[in-house]
Amino acid sequence: MAVEYRGFRVTVDAKADATDTQWLCRAVMEGVDAQVETAKLPSVELAIPKLKIDVLMALSVVEQTAKQAVDEWWHAKQPEMA
């Protein structure tokens, strides 16, 4: 699943671990707009127990965490970008 947010493409993926007890979730943020295309943000990775949460909720948690990372970067760079 991918969404665009503040000039970044946030791609979220989840898969079961080898023991099938956790969701291994990852979000990758890539700059797609001219203002942010050179930005390098670290990916977000979470392991979430399958017994506590379904895959859609796990994806949502990782997506929101990634958007928060983009927001933090955006607010830190805002004076430069204005």
PDB file of N, CA and C in Angstrom:
ATOM      1  N   MET A   1       0.850  -1.161   0.000  1.00  0.00           N
ATOM      2  CA  MET A   1       0.000   0.000   0.000  1.00  0.00           C
ATOM      3  C   MET A   1       0.903   1.233   0.000  1.00  0.00           C
ATOM      4  N   ALA A   2       0.548   2.236  -0.776  1.00  0.00           N
ATOM      5  CA  ALA A   2       1.337   3.467  -0.831  1.00  0.00           C
ATOM      6  C   ALA A   2       0.408   4.677  -0.792  1.00  0.00           C
ATOM      7  N   VAL A   3       0.846   5.710  -0.075  1.00  0.00           N
ATOM      8  CA  VAL A   3       0.132   6.984  -0.030  1.00  0.00           C
ATOM      9  C   VAL A   3       1.154   8.094  -0.224  1.00  0.00           C
ATOM     10  N   GLU A   4       0.690   9.235  -0.706  1.00  0.00           N
ATOM     11  CA  GLU A   4       1.570  10.394  -0.810  1.00  0.00           C
ATOM     12  C   GLU A   4       1.218  11.355   0.313  1.00  0.00           C
ATOM     13  N   TYR A   5       2.259  11.868   0.973  1.00  0.00           N
ATOM     14  CA  TYR A   5       2.064  12.734   2.130  1.00  0.00           C
ATOM     15  C   TYR A   5       3.190  13.753   2.174  1.00  0.00           C
ATOM     16  N   ARG A   6       2.847  15.030   2.092  1.00  0.00           N
ATOM     17  CA  ARG A   6       3.815  16.138   2.154  1.00  0.00           C
ATOM     18  C   ARG A   6       4.978  15.964   1.186  1.00  0.00           C
ATOM     19  N   GLY A   7       4.690  15.475   0.006  1.00  0.00           N
ATOM     20  CA  GLY A   7       5.722  15.319  -1.012  1.00  0.00           C
ATOM     21  C   GLY A   7       6.476  14.009  -0.949  1.00  0.00           C
ATOM     22  N   PHE A   8       6.128  13.150  -0.020  1.00  0.00           N
ATOM     23  CA  PHE A   8       6.767  11.844   0.117  1.00  0.00           C
ATOM     24  C   PHE A   8       5.794  10.745  -0.296  1.00  0.00           C
ATOM     25  N   ARG A   9       6.328   9.699  -0.896  1.00  0.00           N
ATOM     26  CA  ARG A   9       5.546   8.485  -1.121  1.00  0.00           C
ATOM     27  C   ARG A   9       5.875   7.557   0.044  1.00  0.00           C
ATOM     28  N   VAL A  10       4.853   7.212   0.814  1.00  0.00           N
ATOM     29  CA  VAL A  10       5.010   6.323   1.962  1.00  0.00           C
ATOM     30  C   VAL A  10       4.478   4.955   1.539  1.00  0.00           C
ATOM     31  N   THR A  11       5.381   3.988   1.411  1.00  0.00           N
ATOM     32  CA  THR A  11       5.015   2.638   0.997  1.00  0.00           C
ATOM     33  C   THR A  11       5.062   1.732   2.221  1.00  0.00           C
ATOM     34  N   VAL A  12       3.927   1.093   2.513  1.00  0.00           N
ATOM     35  CA  VAL A  12       3.793   0.264   3.711  1.00  0.00           C
ATOM     36  C   VAL A  12       3.575  -1.186   3.293  1.00  0.00           C
ATOM     37  N   ASP A  13       4.253  -2.103   3.991  1.00  0.00           N
ATOM     38  CA  ASP A  13       4.141  -3.526   3.690  1.00  0.00           C
ATOM     39  C   ASP A  13       4.153  -4.300   5.003  1.00  0.00           C
ATOM     40  N   ALA A  14       3.478  -5.440   5.027  1.00  0.00           N
ATOM     41  CA  ALA A  14       3.481  -6.302   6.207  1.00  0.00           C
ATOM     42  C   ALA A  14       3.522  -7.752   5.756  1.00  0.00           C
ATOM     43  N   LYS A  15       4.225  -8.559   6.532  1.00  0.00           N
ATOM     44  CA  LYS A  15       4.253 -10.001   6.275  1.00  0.00           C
ATOM     45  C   LYS A  15       4.397 -10.710   7.611  1.00  0.00           C
ATOM     46  N   ALA A  16       4.026 -11.965   7.634  1.00  0.00           N
ATOM     47  CA  ALA A  16       4.159 -12.757   8.850  1.00  0.00           C
ATOM     48  C   ALA A  16       5.612 -13.174   9.028  1.00  0.00           C
ATOM     49  N   ASP A  17       6.030 -13.297  10.283  1.00  0.00           N
ATOM     50  CA  ASP A  17       7.398 -13.765  10.532  1.00  0.00           C
ATOM     51  C   ASP A  17       7.475 -15.279  10.307  1.00  0.00           C
ATOM     52  N   ALA A  18       8.665 -15.846  10.485  1.00  0.00           N
ATOM     53  CA  ALA A  18       8.889 -17.268  10.210  1.00  0.00           C
ATOM     54  C   ALA A  18       8.054 -18.178  11.110  1.00  0.00           C
ATOM     55  N   THR A  19       7.741 -17.727  12.315  1.00  0.00           N
ATOM     56  CA  THR A  19       6.952 -18.544  13.241  1.00  0.00           C
ATOM     57  C   THR A  19       5.457 -18.265  13.137  1.00  0.00           C
ATOM     58  N   ASP A  20       5.084 -17.316  12.295  1.00  0.00           N
ATOM     59  CA  ASP A  20       3.687 -16.929  12.075  1.00  0.00           C
ATOM     60  C   ASP A  20       3.017 -16.412  13.352  1.00  0.00           C
ATOM     61  N   THR A  21       3.801 -15.724  14.191  1.00  0.00           N
ATOM     62  CA  THR A  21       3.242 -15.165  15.427  1.00  0.00           C
ATOM     63  C   THR A  21       3.242 -13.643  15.441  1.00  0.00           C
ATOM     64  N   GLN A  22       3.965 -13.022  14.503  1.00  0.00           N
ATOM     65  CA  GLN A  22       4.055 -11.562  14.470  1.00  0.00           C
ATOM     66  C   GLN A  22       3.886 -11.047  13.048  1.00  0.00           C
ATOM     67  N   TRP A  23       3.407  -9.807  12.963  1.00  0.00           N
ATOM     68  CA  TRP A  23       3.438  -9.073  11.703  1.00  0.00           C
ATOM     69  C   TRP A  23       4.733  -8.276  11.672  1.00  0.00           C
ATOM     70  N   LEU A  24       5.510  -8.456  10.628  1.00  0.00           N
ATOM     71  CA  LEU A  24       6.714  -7.657  10.418  1.00  0.00           C
ATOM     72  C   LEU A  24       6.330  -6.559   9.437  1.00  0.00           C
ATOM     73  N   CYS A  25       6.225  -5.344   9.933  1.00  0.00           N
ATOM     74  CA  CYS A  25       5.731  -4.218   9.141  1.00  0.00           C
ATOM     75  C   CYS A  25       6.871  -3.256   8.839  1.00  0.00           C
ATOM     76  N   ARG A  26       6.806  -2.668   7.648  1.00  0.00           N
ATOM     77  CA  ARG A  26       7.858  -1.737   7.225  1.00  0.00           C
ATOM     78  C   ARG A  26       7.224  -0.632   6.392  1.00  0.00           C
ATOM     79  N   ALA A  27       7.685   0.586   6.621  1.00  0.00           N
ATOM     80  CA  ALA A  27       7.276   1.736   5.814  1.00  0.00           C
ATOM     81  C   ALA A  27       8.535   2.405   5.280  1.00  0.00           C
ATOM     82  N   VAL A  28       8.538   2.666   3.976  1.00  0.00           N
ATOM     83  CA  VAL A  28       9.659   3.340   3.323  1.00  0.00           C
ATOM     84  C   VAL A  28       9.148   4.678   2.814  1.00  0.00           C
ATOM     85  N   MET A  29       9.900   5.756   3.086  1.00  0.00           N
ATOM     86  CA  MET A  29       9.509   7.095   2.664  1.00  0.00           C
ATOM     87  C   MET A  29      10.480   7.597   1.609  1.00  0.00           C
ATOM     88  N   GLU A  30       9.938   7.927   0.437  1.00  0.00           N
ATOM     89  CA  GLU A  30      10.748   8.444  -0.667  1.00  0.00           C
ATOM     90  C   GLU A  30      10.228   9.818  -1.057  1.00  0.00           C
ATOM     91  N   GLY A  31      11.116  10.771  -1.229  1.00  0.00           N
ATOM     92  CA  GLY A  31      10.716  12.095  -1.688  1.00  0.00           C
ATOM     93  C   GLY A  31      10.350  12.054  -3.161  1.00  0.00           C
ATOM     94  N   VAL A  32       9.159  12.546  -3.505  1.00  0.00           N
ATOM     95  CA  VAL A  32       8.726  12.554  -4.904  1.00  0.00           C
ATOM     96  C   VAL A  32       8.538  13.969  -5.443  1.00  0.00           C
ATOM     97  N   ASP A  33       8.340  14.950  -4.575  1.00  0.00           N
ATOM     98  CA  ASP A  33       8.233  16.342  -5.018  1.00  0.00           C
ATOM     99  C   ASP A  33       9.622  16.965  -5.096  1.00  0.00           C
ATOM    100  N   ALA A  34       9.754  18.010  -5.883  1.00  0.00           N
ATOM    101  CA  ALA A  34      11.049  18.664  -6.088  1.00  0.00           C
ATOM    102  C   ALA A  34      11.659  19.152  -4.776  1.00  0.00           C
ATOM    103  N   GLN A  35      10.833  19.655  -3.863  1.00  0.00           N
ATOM    104  CA  GLN A  35      11.344  20.192  -2.595  1.00  0.00           C
ATOM    105  C   GLN A  35      11.947  19.124  -1.689  1.00  0.00           C
ATOM    106  N   VAL A  36      11.501  17.893  -1.823  1.00  0.00           N
ATOM    107  CA  VAL A  36      11.922  16.856  -0.872  1.00  0.00           C
ATOM    108  C   VAL A  36      12.594  15.654  -1.524  1.00  0.00           C
ATOM    109  N   GLU A  37      12.842  15.709  -2.833  1.00  0.00           N
ATOM    110  CA  GLU A  37      13.352  14.517  -3.513  1.00  0.00           C
ATOM    111  C   GLU A  37      14.737  14.090  -3.046  1.00  0.00           C
ATOM    112  N   THR A  38      15.519  14.984  -2.452  1.00  0.00           N
ATOM    113  CA  THR A  38      16.847  14.611  -1.960  1.00  0.00           C
ATOM    114  C   THR A  38      16.830  14.194  -0.490  1.00  0.00           C
ATOM    115  N   ALA A  39      15.687  14.297   0.156  1.00  0.00           N
ATOM    116  CA  ALA A  39      15.587  13.936   1.577  1.00  0.00           C
ATOM    117  C   ALA A  39      15.726  12.428   1.752  1.00  0.00           C
ATOM    118  N   LYS A  40      16.449  12.041   2.763  1.00  0.00           N
ATOM    119  CA  LYS A  40      16.637  10.626   3.091  1.00  0.00           C
ATOM    120  C   LYS A  40      16.106  10.388   4.498  1.00  0.00           C
ATOM    121  N   LEU A  41      14.952   9.783   4.581  1.00  0.00           N
ATOM    122  CA  LEU A  41      14.373   9.455   5.881  1.00  0.00           C
ATOM    123  C   LEU A  41      14.528   7.956   6.129  1.00  0.00           C
ATOM    124  N   PRO A  42      14.855   7.561   7.355  1.00  0.00           N
ATOM    125  CA  PRO A  42      14.995   6.128   7.637  1.00  0.00           C
ATOM    126  C   PRO A  42      13.643   5.429   7.565  1.00  0.00           C
ATOM    127  N   SER A  43      13.656   4.175   7.185  1.00  0.00           N
ATOM    128  CA  SER A  43      12.408   3.421   7.128  1.00  0.00           C
ATOM    129  C   SER A  43      11.928   3.132   8.551  1.00  0.00           C
ATOM    130  N   VAL A  44      10.637   2.876   8.662  1.00  0.00           N
ATOM    131  CA  VAL A  44      10.019   2.541   9.942  1.00  0.00           C
ATOM    132  C   VAL A  44       9.755   1.041   9.927  1.00  0.00           C
ATOM    133  N   GLU A  45      10.215   0.347  10.955  1.00  0.00           N
ATOM    134  CA  GLU A  45       9.997  -1.094  11.048  1.00  0.00           C
ATOM    135  C   GLU A  45       9.426  -1.425  12.419  1.00  0.00           C
ATOM    136  N   LEU A  46       8.358  -2.209  12.421  1.00  0.00           N
ATOM    137  CA  LEU A  46       7.720  -2.631  13.669  1.00  0.00           C
ATOM    138  C   LEU A  46       7.381  -4.114  13.589  1.00  0.00           C
ATOM    139  N   ALA A  47       7.471  -4.797  14.713  1.00  0.00           N
ATOM    140  CA  ALA A  47       7.005  -6.178  14.837  1.00  0.00           C
ATOM    141  C   ALA A  47       5.823  -6.145  15.797  1.00  0.00           C
ATOM    142  N   ILE A  48       4.671  -6.610  15.322  1.00  0.00           N
ATOM    143  CA  ILE A  48       3.443  -6.522  16.103  1.00  0.00           C
ATOM    144  C   ILE A  48       2.870  -7.928  16.271  1.00  0.00           C
ATOM    145  N   PRO A  49       2.580  -8.353  17.509  1.00  0.00           N
ATOM    146  CA  PRO A  49       2.026  -9.691  17.732  1.00  0.00           C
ATOM    147  C   PRO A  49       0.695  -9.881  17.002  1.00  0.00           C
ATOM    148  N   LYS A  50       0.547 -11.004  16.315  1.00  0.00           N
ATOM    149  CA  LYS A  50      -0.680 -11.285  15.568  1.00  0.00           C
ATOM    150  C   LYS A  50      -1.884 -11.490  16.484  1.00  0.00           C
ATOM    151  N   LEU A  51      -1.650 -11.954  17.697  1.00  0.00           N
ATOM    152  CA  LEU A  51      -2.764 -12.189  18.611  1.00  0.00           C
ATOM    153  C   LEU A  51      -3.421 -10.902  19.076  1.00  0.00           C
ATOM    154  N   LYS A  52      -2.691  -9.800  19.035  1.00  0.00           N
ATOM    155  CA  LYS A  52      -3.214  -8.538  19.554  1.00  0.00           C
ATOM    156  C   LYS A  52      -3.845  -7.655  18.490  1.00  0.00           C
ATOM    157  N   ILE A  53      -3.473  -7.840  17.225  1.00  0.00           N
ATOM    158  CA  ILE A  53      -3.898  -6.881  16.213  1.00  0.00           C
ATOM    159  C   ILE A  53      -3.951  -7.554  14.843  1.00  0.00           C
ATOM    160  N   ASP A  54      -4.923  -7.176  14.020  1.00  0.00           N
ATOM    161  CA  ASP A  54      -4.997  -7.752  12.672  1.00  0.00           C
ATOM    162  C   ASP A  54      -4.092  -6.972  11.718  1.00  0.00           C
ATOM    163  N   VAL A  55      -3.923  -7.483  10.518  1.00  0.00           N
ATOM    164  CA  VAL A  55      -2.955  -6.913   9.583  1.00  0.00           C
ATOM    165  C   VAL A  55      -3.320  -5.487   9.160  1.00  0.00           C
ATOM    166  N   LEU A  56      -4.595  -5.190   8.994  1.00  0.00           N
ATOM    167  CA  LEU A  56      -4.981  -3.836   8.583  1.00  0.00           C
ATOM    168  C   LEU A  56      -4.657  -2.807   9.665  1.00  0.00           C
ATOM    169  N   MET A  57      -4.880  -3.172  10.900  1.00  0.00           N
ATOM    170  CA  MET A  57      -4.529  -2.264  11.997  1.00  0.00           C
ATOM    171  C   MET A  57      -3.012  -2.109  12.099  1.00  0.00           C
ATOM    172  N   ALA A  58      -2.277  -3.192  11.874  1.00  0.00           N
ATOM    173  CA  ALA A  58      -0.812  -3.120  11.904  1.00  0.00           C
ATOM    174  C   ALA A  58      -0.305  -2.179  10.815  1.00  0.00           C
ATOM    175  N   LEU A  59      -0.869  -2.295   9.610  1.00  0.00           N
ATOM    176  CA  LEU A  59      -0.481  -1.398   8.521  1.00  0.00           C
ATOM    177  C   LEU A  59      -0.790   0.051   8.875  1.00  0.00           C
ATOM    178  N   SER A  60      -1.931   0.278   9.485  1.00  0.00           N
ATOM    179  CA  SER A  60      -2.318   1.633   9.871  1.00  0.00           C
ATOM    180  C   SER A  60      -1.351   2.218  10.900  1.00  0.00           C
ATOM    181  N   VAL A  61      -0.935   1.417  11.866  1.00  0.00           N
ATOM    182  CA  VAL A  61       0.011   1.883  12.886  1.00  0.00           C
ATOM    183  C   VAL A  61       1.328   2.285  12.236  1.00  0.00           C
ATOM    184  N   VAL A  62       1.827   1.461  11.326  1.00  0.00           N
ATOM    185  CA  VAL A  62       3.104   1.755  10.668  1.00  0.00           C
ATOM    186  C   VAL A  62       2.965   2.984   9.777  1.00  0.00           C
ATOM    187  N   GLU A  63       1.844   3.109   9.067  1.00  0.00           N
ATOM    188  CA  GLU A  63       1.622   4.282   8.214  1.00  0.00           C
ATOM    189  C   GLU A  63       1.597   5.563   9.042  1.00  0.00           C
ATOM    190  N   GLN A  64       0.894   5.550  10.162  1.00  0.00           N
ATOM    191  CA  GLN A  64       0.820   6.741  11.006  1.00  0.00           C
ATOM    192  C   GLN A  64       2.180   7.082  11.619  1.00  0.00           C
ATOM    193  N   THR A  65       2.956   6.067  11.978  1.00  0.00           N
ATOM    194  CA  THR A  65       4.305   6.300  12.505  1.00  0.00           C
ATOM    195  C   THR A  65       5.188   6.929  11.437  1.00  0.00           C
ATOM    196  N   ALA A  66       5.067   6.455  10.205  1.00  0.00           N
ATOM    197  CA  ALA A  66       5.846   7.022   9.094  1.00  0.00           C
ATOM    198  C   ALA A  66       5.425   8.466   8.824  1.00  0.00           C
ATOM    199  N   LYS A  67       4.129   8.742   8.839  1.00  0.00           N
ATOM    200  CA  LYS A  67       3.655  10.114   8.633  1.00  0.00           C
ATOM    201  C   LYS A  67       4.162  11.037   9.735  1.00  0.00           C
ATOM    202  N   GLN A  68       4.233  10.527  10.957  1.00  0.00           N
ATOM    203  CA  GLN A  68       4.768  11.324  12.062  1.00  0.00           C
ATOM    204  C   GLN A  68       6.242  11.645  11.815  1.00  0.00           C
ATOM    205  N   ALA A  69       7.003  10.693  11.291  1.00  0.00           N
ATOM    206  CA  ALA A  69       8.415  10.941  10.968  1.00  0.00           C
ATOM    207  C   ALA A  69       8.537  12.001   9.881  1.00  0.00           C
ATOM    208  N   VAL A  70       7.651  11.957   8.881  1.00  0.00           N
ATOM    209  CA  VAL A  70       7.647  12.974   7.825  1.00  0.00           C
ATOM    210  C   VAL A  70       7.308  14.332   8.427  1.00  0.00           C
ATOM    211  N   ASP A  71       6.314  14.384   9.308  1.00  0.00           N
ATOM    212  CA  ASP A  71       5.940  15.650   9.959  1.00  0.00           C
ATOM    213  C   ASP A  71       7.102  16.232  10.755  1.00  0.00           C
ATOM    214  N   GLU A  72       7.806  15.386  11.499  1.00  0.00           N
ATOM    215  CA  GLU A  72       8.947  15.866  12.283  1.00  0.00           C
ATOM    216  C   GLU A  72      10.024  16.432  11.367  1.00  0.00           C
ATOM    217  N   TRP A  73      10.312  15.739  10.268  1.00  0.00           N
ATOM    218  CA  TRP A  73      11.300  16.232   9.300  1.00  0.00           C
ATOM    219  C   TRP A  73      10.817  17.545   8.697  1.00  0.00           C
ATOM    220  N   TRP A  74       9.537  17.592   8.313  1.00  0.00           N
ATOM    221  CA  TRP A  74       8.950  18.768   7.667  1.00  0.00           C
ATOM    222  C   TRP A  74       9.054  19.993   8.571  1.00  0.00           C
ATOM    223  N   HIS A  75       8.687  19.845   9.841  1.00  0.00           N
ATOM    224  CA  HIS A  75       8.720  20.978  10.768  1.00  0.00           C
ATOM    225  C   HIS A  75      10.150  21.418  11.070  1.00  0.00           C
ATOM    226  N   ALA A  76      11.086  20.483  11.078  1.00  0.00           N
ATOM    227  CA  ALA A  76      12.495  20.838  11.293  1.00  0.00           C
ATOM    228  C   ALA A  76      13.054  21.619  10.108  1.00  0.00           C
ATOM    229  N   LYS A  77      12.586  21.326   8.886  1.00  0.00           N
ATOM    230  CA  LYS A  77      13.089  21.971   7.671  1.00  0.00           C
ATOM    231  C   LYS A  77      12.242  23.151   7.222  1.00  0.00           C
ATOM    232  N   GLN A  78      11.138  23.421   7.874  1.00  0.00           N
ATOM    233  CA  GLN A  78      10.194  24.440   7.415  1.00  0.00           C
ATOM    234  C   GLN A  78      10.827  25.809   7.174  1.00  0.00           C
ATOM    235  N   PRO A  79      11.685  26.338   8.036  1.00  0.00           N
ATOM    236  CA  PRO A  79      12.276  27.657   7.745  1.00  0.00           C
ATOM    237  C   PRO A  79      13.060  27.672   6.429  1.00  0.00           C
ATOM    238  N   GLU A  80      13.739  26.573   6.094  1.00  0.00           N
ATOM    239  CA  GLU A  80      14.500  26.500   4.848  1.00  0.00           C
ATOM    240  C   GLU A  80      13.588  26.450   3.629  1.00  0.00           C
ATOM    241  N   MET A  81      12.441  25.799   3.777  1.00  0.00           N
ATOM    242  CA  MET A  81      11.568  25.561   2.635  1.00  0.00           C
ATOM    243  C   MET A  81      10.628  26.722   2.358  1.00  0.00           C
ATOM    244  N   ALA A  82      10.491  27.633   3.289  1.00  0.00           N
ATOM    245  CA  ALA A  82       9.554  28.753   3.117  1.00  0.00           C
ATOM    246  C   ALA A  82      10.087  29.795   2.160  1.00  0.00           C
TER     247      ALA A  82
END
